[in-house]
Amino acid sequence: MKLGYLRVSTEEQKIARQIDGLKPLCDKLYVERTSAIAKKRPIYEEVMATLKPGDTFVVWDLDRAFRSTIDALVQAERLHQSGIEFQIVTLGVDTSTAHGKLVFTVIAAFAQHERDHLSERTKQGLKAAVRRGAKLGRKPKINDRQALMAKDQIECGSHTASELAASFGVHPRTLSRRIKAALNGSPSG
């Protein structure tokens, strides 16, 4: 059997391209919506447990199944030792041949390099944005003015911290931290 594994990192990412590419080639498709580096990938683990000697593990692209070059090479060798072949559709790689194994090894190294390079560029971009004064992350649900008003309402007894936190849609500890930050002059956005 040919078992296809499809993965997207977020619920918002589209998986249609992978489905369209793998459906005609595979007997069964498994879809996972999680990051490749997630500690648990239950669908991936299910596919690995389902594969039997003579089966083929099929992925659309290398980074859809493996966390790193080392992971790709280790898993490909484990599959090979179990009598299971491996295909990467977009690259035309089939590890049932010596040529396919060589190409897979080289491609895995380049894919890892690209992931590492992308990570470096992202970190550099974030640092540059911070240097230019950009504020990263979510906007706080409670600004300094609201936090100080909440503090006054709690102190005068007109509302409890829990009531005010609920009105802002936050946990009381979050409200407490925002009040403390506002009193200390920490920027809130």
Protein backbone atom coordinates (compact mmCIF):
# COMPACT_ATOMS: atom_id res chain seq x y z
CA MET A 1 0.00 0.00 0.00
CA LYS A 2 1.00 3.59 -0.54
CA LEU A 3 0.21 5.74 2.48
CA GLY A 4 0.31 9.50 2.01
CA TYR A 5 1.10 11.87 4.87
CA LEU A 6 0.00 15.49 4.57
CA ARG A 7 0.79 18.16 7.13
CA VAL A 8 0.14 21.86 7.58
CA SER A 9 1.39 23.87 10.54
CA THR A 10 -1.77 25.83 11.25
CA GLU A 11 -5.52 25.48 10.79
CA GLU A 12 -5.43 28.45 8.40
CA GLN A 13 -2.97 26.87 5.96
CA LYS A 14 -4.49 25.26 2.90
CA ILE A 15 -3.93 21.56 2.35
CA ALA A 16 -5.68 21.21 -1.03
CA ARG A 17 -2.44 21.31 -3.04
CA GLN A 18 -1.02 18.38 -1.09
CA ILE A 19 -4.29 16.43 -1.35
CA ASP A 20 -4.51 17.03 -5.09
CA GLY A 21 -0.91 15.88 -5.53
CA LEU A 22 -1.10 12.76 -3.36
CA LYS A 23 -4.64 11.46 -3.87
CA PRO A 24 -3.99 9.87 -7.29
CA LEU A 25 -0.79 8.22 -6.00
CA CYS A 26 -1.88 6.86 -2.63
CA ASP A 27 -4.24 4.21 -1.32
CA LYS A 28 -4.89 6.21 1.85
CA LEU A 29 -4.17 9.76 3.01
CA TYR A 30 -3.44 10.93 6.55
CA VAL A 31 -3.81 14.64 7.34
CA GLU A 32 -2.17 16.36 10.31
CA ARG A 33 -2.49 19.97 11.41
CA THR A 34 0.48 20.70 13.63
CA SER A 35 3.98 22.12 13.46
CA ALA A 36 6.71 19.75 12.23
CA ILE A 37 8.65 20.46 15.40
CA ALA A 38 5.74 19.69 17.73
CA LYS A 39 6.72 17.16 20.38
CA LYS A 40 3.70 15.01 19.55
CA ARG A 41 2.49 14.33 16.03
CA PRO A 42 -0.20 11.68 16.58
CA ILE A 43 -1.16 11.28 12.91
CA TYR A 44 2.48 10.88 11.85
CA GLU A 45 2.96 8.30 14.59
CA GLU A 46 -0.18 6.48 13.43
CA VAL A 47 1.13 6.32 9.85
CA MET A 48 4.50 5.00 11.03
CA ALA A 49 2.74 2.31 13.07
CA THR A 50 0.49 1.37 10.14
CA LEU A 51 3.26 0.93 7.53
CA LYS A 52 4.25 -2.67 6.79
CA PRO A 53 7.09 -4.19 4.73
CA GLY A 54 6.40 -3.59 1.07
CA ASP A 55 4.42 -0.38 1.73
CA THR A 56 5.50 3.05 0.54
CA PHE A 57 5.43 6.18 2.70
CA VAL A 58 4.56 9.14 0.42
CA VAL A 59 4.89 12.86 1.22
CA TRP A 60 4.32 15.89 -0.94
CA ASP A 61 7.53 17.63 0.13
CA LEU A 62 10.40 16.80 2.49
CA ASP A 63 9.54 19.39 5.15
CA ARG A 64 5.99 18.02 5.45
CA ALA A 65 7.22 14.94 7.34
CA PHE A 66 10.56 15.56 9.01
CA ARG A 67 11.87 17.93 11.68
CA SER A 68 15.47 18.15 10.48
CA THR A 69 18.02 16.60 8.15
CA ILE A 70 19.08 14.19 10.87
CA ASP A 71 15.45 13.23 11.51
CA ALA A 72 14.85 12.71 7.78
CA LEU A 73 17.91 10.53 7.36
CA VAL A 74 17.23 8.50 10.50
CA GLN A 75 13.58 7.96 9.60
CA ALA A 76 14.40 7.09 5.99
CA GLU A 77 16.94 4.50 7.20
CA ARG A 78 14.42 3.13 9.71
CA LEU A 79 11.83 2.79 6.95
CA HIS A 80 14.38 1.10 4.69
CA GLN A 81 15.37 -1.35 7.45
CA SER A 82 11.67 -2.20 7.87
CA GLY A 83 11.26 -2.90 4.15
CA ILE A 84 9.27 0.29 3.56
CA GLU A 85 10.01 2.61 0.65
CA PHE A 86 9.74 6.39 0.73
CA GLN A 87 8.67 8.89 -1.92
CA ILE A 88 8.85 12.69 -2.07
CA VAL A 89 6.43 13.64 -4.83
CA THR A 90 7.57 17.20 -5.64
CA LEU A 91 11.18 16.06 -5.99
CA GLY A 92 10.56 12.79 -7.80
CA VAL A 93 12.62 10.99 -5.15
CA ASP A 94 12.07 7.28 -4.57
CA THR A 95 14.38 5.69 -2.01
CA SER A 96 13.92 2.22 -3.49
CA THR A 97 16.87 3.03 -5.79
CA ALA A 98 20.50 3.88 -5.01
CA HIS A 99 20.12 7.12 -7.00
CA GLY A 100 16.97 8.00 -5.03
CA LYS A 101 18.79 7.45 -1.73
CA LEU A 102 21.65 9.74 -2.79
CA VAL A 103 19.32 12.46 -4.01
CA PHE A 104 17.27 12.19 -0.81
CA THR A 105 20.36 12.64 1.37
CA VAL A 106 21.46 15.74 -0.53
CA ILE A 107 17.97 17.23 -0.60
CA ALA A 108 17.52 16.64 3.13
CA ALA A 109 20.72 18.59 3.79
CA PHE A 110 19.57 21.49 1.60
CA ALA A 111 16.11 21.52 3.21
CA GLN A 112 17.71 21.76 6.65
CA HIS A 113 19.95 24.58 5.44
CA GLU A 114 16.92 26.46 4.12
CA ARG A 115 15.00 26.04 7.41
CA ASP A 116 18.02 27.26 9.38
CA HIS A 117 18.52 30.20 7.01
CA LEU A 118 14.82 31.15 7.23
CA SER A 119 15.01 31.04 11.03
CA GLU A 120 18.08 33.31 11.01
CA ARG A 121 16.40 35.80 8.66
CA THR A 122 13.26 35.84 10.80
CA LYS A 123 15.25 36.50 13.98
CA GLN A 124 17.24 39.26 12.25
CA GLY A 125 14.03 40.85 10.99
CA LEU A 126 12.47 40.80 14.46
CA LYS A 127 15.58 42.36 16.01
CA ALA A 128 15.61 45.08 13.34
CA ALA A 129 11.93 45.81 13.96
CA VAL A 130 12.52 46.13 17.71
CA ARG A 131 15.47 48.49 17.07
CA ARG A 132 13.11 50.66 14.99
CA GLY A 133 10.67 50.76 17.92
CA ALA A 134 8.16 48.12 16.82
CA LYS A 135 6.31 46.34 19.59
CA LEU A 136 6.14 42.60 19.02
CA GLY A 137 3.40 40.28 20.20
CA ARG A 138 -0.24 40.77 20.89
CA LYS A 139 -1.60 44.13 21.88
CA PRO A 140 -2.48 44.06 25.60
CA LYS A 141 -6.19 43.74 26.35
CA ILE A 142 -5.81 46.33 29.11
CA ASN A 143 -3.93 49.59 28.58
CA ASP A 144 -2.32 51.66 31.38
CA ARG A 145 -5.29 54.00 31.73
CA GLN A 146 -7.72 51.09 32.08
CA ALA A 147 -5.42 49.34 34.57
CA LEU A 148 -5.17 52.44 36.76
CA MET A 149 -8.94 52.98 36.62
CA ALA A 150 -9.45 49.35 37.63
CA LYS A 151 -7.03 49.84 40.54
CA ASP A 152 -9.07 52.81 41.75
CA GLN A 153 -12.35 50.86 41.47
CA ILE A 154 -10.90 47.93 43.41
CA GLU A 155 -9.53 50.23 46.13
CA CYS A 156 -12.80 52.10 46.57
CA GLY A 157 -14.70 48.80 46.70
CA SER A 158 -17.05 49.48 43.79
CA HIS A 159 -15.85 46.34 41.97
CA THR A 160 -13.79 43.27 42.74
CA ALA A 161 -10.69 42.34 40.79
CA SER A 162 -12.52 39.27 39.47
CA GLU A 163 -15.45 41.37 38.20
CA LEU A 164 -13.17 43.84 36.46
CA ALA A 165 -10.98 41.10 35.01
CA ALA A 166 -14.08 39.40 33.59
CA SER A 167 -15.23 42.68 32.04
CA PHE A 168 -11.87 42.97 30.25
CA GLY A 169 -11.93 39.29 29.27
CA VAL A 170 -8.76 38.44 31.22
CA HIS A 171 -7.79 36.43 34.27
CA PRO A 172 -7.57 38.34 37.58
CA ARG A 173 -3.79 37.66 37.67
CA THR A 174 -3.46 39.36 34.29
CA LEU A 175 -5.31 42.38 35.62
CA SER A 176 -3.05 42.43 38.69
CA ARG A 177 0.08 42.29 36.53
CA ARG A 178 -1.20 45.10 34.27
CA ILE A 179 -1.96 47.28 37.30
CA LYS A 180 1.53 46.66 38.66
CA ALA A 181 3.11 47.41 35.26
CA ALA A 182 1.09 50.63 34.92
CA LEU A 183 2.19 51.75 38.37
CA ASN A 184 5.82 51.02 37.51
CA GLY A 185 5.58 52.88 34.23
CA SER A 186 6.16 49.82 32.03
CA PRO A 187 4.87 50.45 28.49
CA SER A 188 1.70 48.56 27.59
CA GLY A 189 0.90 49.51 24.05
